[in-house]
Amino acid sequence: MEKDNVREYEALFILDVIGKDYGPSAIIERVAADLKKLGATVKDMQKMEKRPFARVTNKRRPSGYYVAFRLSGPPDLPEKIRRRYVLDEDVYRVMITRPPKKKAAEKAEEGAPAAV
């Protein structure tokens, strides 16, 4: 993968763990492995626990287990991820976004030494 073609992404997965024999950890491990197979580099993962939905569309599924990933990969990565999980019964929803671009002032502050 060329450095020019690498883009940063944030992916939010809502997992369906209701009525499963296995817990969310098994699904998270499988999702992380699948992301690597699709060409993504997983930089960070944040488990956000089970949360109730603001609007319940299915009474049998009133909540979901949220997991956020910070990824980098090729420009076609979001489409590959969507295609992979559209029919997956363990993944209820996937939302992929590009993180906001940092302003020049913020970049300079990160690289500057700390003031004493």
Protein backbone atom coordinates (compact mmCIF):
# COMPACT_ATOMS: atom_id res chain seq x y z
CA MET A 1 0.00 0.00 0.00
CA GLU A 2 1.40 3.37 -1.01
CA LYS A 3 1.62 6.11 1.59
CA ASP A 4 -0.33 8.50 -0.72
CA ASN A 5 -3.32 6.16 -0.89
CA VAL A 6 -3.62 5.57 2.84
CA ARG A 7 -6.57 7.32 4.45
CA GLU A 8 -7.76 7.55 8.02
CA TYR A 9 -11.23 6.28 8.98
CA GLU A 10 -13.39 5.91 12.06
CA ALA A 11 -15.77 2.95 12.05
CA LEU A 12 -18.59 2.44 14.54
CA PHE A 13 -20.02 -1.07 14.75
CA ILE A 14 -23.24 -1.89 16.57
CA LEU A 15 -23.19 -5.58 17.44
CA ASP A 16 -26.23 -7.76 17.98
CA VAL A 17 -25.43 -9.95 20.99
CA ILE A 18 -28.99 -10.69 22.10
CA GLY A 19 -29.70 -14.41 22.22
CA LYS A 20 -26.19 -15.45 21.14
CA ASP A 21 -24.27 -18.31 22.77
CA TYR A 22 -21.05 -16.30 22.52
CA GLY A 23 -20.28 -12.87 23.93
CA PRO A 24 -19.29 -9.61 22.29
CA SER A 25 -15.56 -10.34 22.72
CA ALA A 26 -15.72 -13.16 20.17
CA ILE A 27 -17.50 -10.92 17.66
CA ILE A 28 -15.05 -8.05 18.24
CA GLU A 29 -12.06 -10.35 17.65
CA ARG A 30 -13.63 -11.65 14.43
CA VAL A 31 -14.42 -8.12 13.21
CA ALA A 32 -10.84 -6.95 13.93
CA ALA A 33 -9.43 -9.94 12.02
CA ASP A 34 -11.81 -9.31 9.11
CA LEU A 35 -10.79 -5.65 8.95
CA LYS A 36 -7.14 -6.67 8.64
CA LYS A 37 -8.05 -9.12 5.85
CA LEU A 38 -9.80 -6.28 4.00
CA GLY A 39 -6.59 -4.22 4.05
CA ALA A 40 -7.18 -2.04 7.10
CA THR A 41 -4.67 -1.23 9.79
CA VAL A 42 -6.45 -1.08 13.14
CA LYS A 43 -4.89 1.78 15.12
CA ASP A 44 -7.24 1.84 18.08
CA MET A 45 -10.37 0.14 19.36
CA GLN A 46 -12.79 1.39 21.98
CA LYS A 47 -15.45 -0.83 23.51
CA MET A 48 -18.40 1.39 24.36
CA GLU A 49 -20.52 -1.28 26.07
CA LYS A 50 -24.20 -2.08 25.54
CA ARG A 51 -26.50 0.90 25.03
CA PRO A 52 -30.23 1.19 24.44
CA PHE A 53 -31.34 2.55 21.08
CA ALA A 54 -32.96 5.99 21.06
CA ARG A 55 -35.52 4.71 18.57
CA VAL A 56 -36.35 1.04 18.73
CA THR A 57 -37.18 -0.32 15.27
CA ASN A 58 -37.48 -3.93 16.42
CA LYS A 59 -38.91 -4.82 19.85
CA ARG A 60 -36.71 -7.91 19.98
CA ARG A 61 -33.63 -5.73 19.55
CA PRO A 62 -33.93 -2.75 21.95
CA SER A 63 -30.17 -2.27 22.40
CA GLY A 64 -26.78 -2.99 20.86
CA TYR A 65 -23.13 -3.36 21.85
CA TYR A 66 -21.13 -0.43 20.44
CA VAL A 67 -17.49 -0.71 19.34
CA ALA A 68 -15.46 2.07 17.68
CA PHE A 69 -12.36 1.45 15.55
CA ARG A 70 -9.78 3.93 14.24
CA LEU A 71 -8.46 2.57 10.95
CA SER A 72 -6.23 3.43 8.06
CA GLY A 73 -6.41 1.87 4.65
CA PRO A 74 -7.00 2.34 0.92
CA PRO A 75 -9.70 4.67 -0.44
CA ASP A 76 -12.05 1.76 -1.25
CA LEU A 77 -11.93 0.39 2.31
CA PRO A 78 -15.33 1.81 3.44
CA GLU A 79 -17.12 0.12 0.55
CA LYS A 80 -15.35 -3.19 1.25
CA ILE A 81 -16.40 -3.01 4.91
CA ARG A 82 -20.02 -2.21 4.05
CA ARG A 83 -20.20 -5.09 1.58
CA ARG A 84 -18.65 -7.49 4.08
CA TYR A 85 -21.11 -6.72 6.89
CA VAL A 86 -24.38 -6.08 5.05
CA LEU A 87 -25.60 -9.65 5.66
CA ASP A 88 -23.69 -10.44 8.87
CA GLU A 89 -26.16 -11.40 11.61
CA ASP A 90 -23.78 -10.40 14.40
CA VAL A 91 -23.30 -6.83 13.12
CA TYR A 92 -26.48 -4.76 13.34
CA ARG A 93 -25.10 -1.50 11.86
CA VAL A 94 -21.82 -0.06 10.58
CA MET A 95 -21.02 3.64 10.20
CA ILE A 96 -17.73 4.70 8.62
CA THR A 97 -16.52 8.30 8.61
CA ARG A 98 -13.35 10.23 7.93
CA PRO A 99 -12.00 12.03 11.02
CA PRO A 100 -12.02 15.83 10.84
CA LYS A 101 -8.87 17.36 9.39
CA LYS A 102 -6.61 19.04 11.89
CA LYS A 103 -5.95 22.72 11.47
CA ALA A 104 -2.40 23.97 10.99
CA ALA A 105 -2.39 25.52 14.48
CA GLU A 106 -3.36 22.19 16.10
CA LYS A 107 -0.65 20.35 14.18
CA ALA A 108 1.94 22.91 15.28
CA GLU A 109 0.89 22.54 18.93
CA GLU A 110 1.26 18.76 18.76
CA GLY A 111 4.77 18.98 17.36
CA ALA A 112 5.91 21.83 19.62
CA PRO A 113 7.76 21.06 22.84
CA ALA A 114 5.81 21.50 26.06
CA ALA A 115 6.04 24.92 27.69
CA VAL A 116 7.79 24.97 31.04
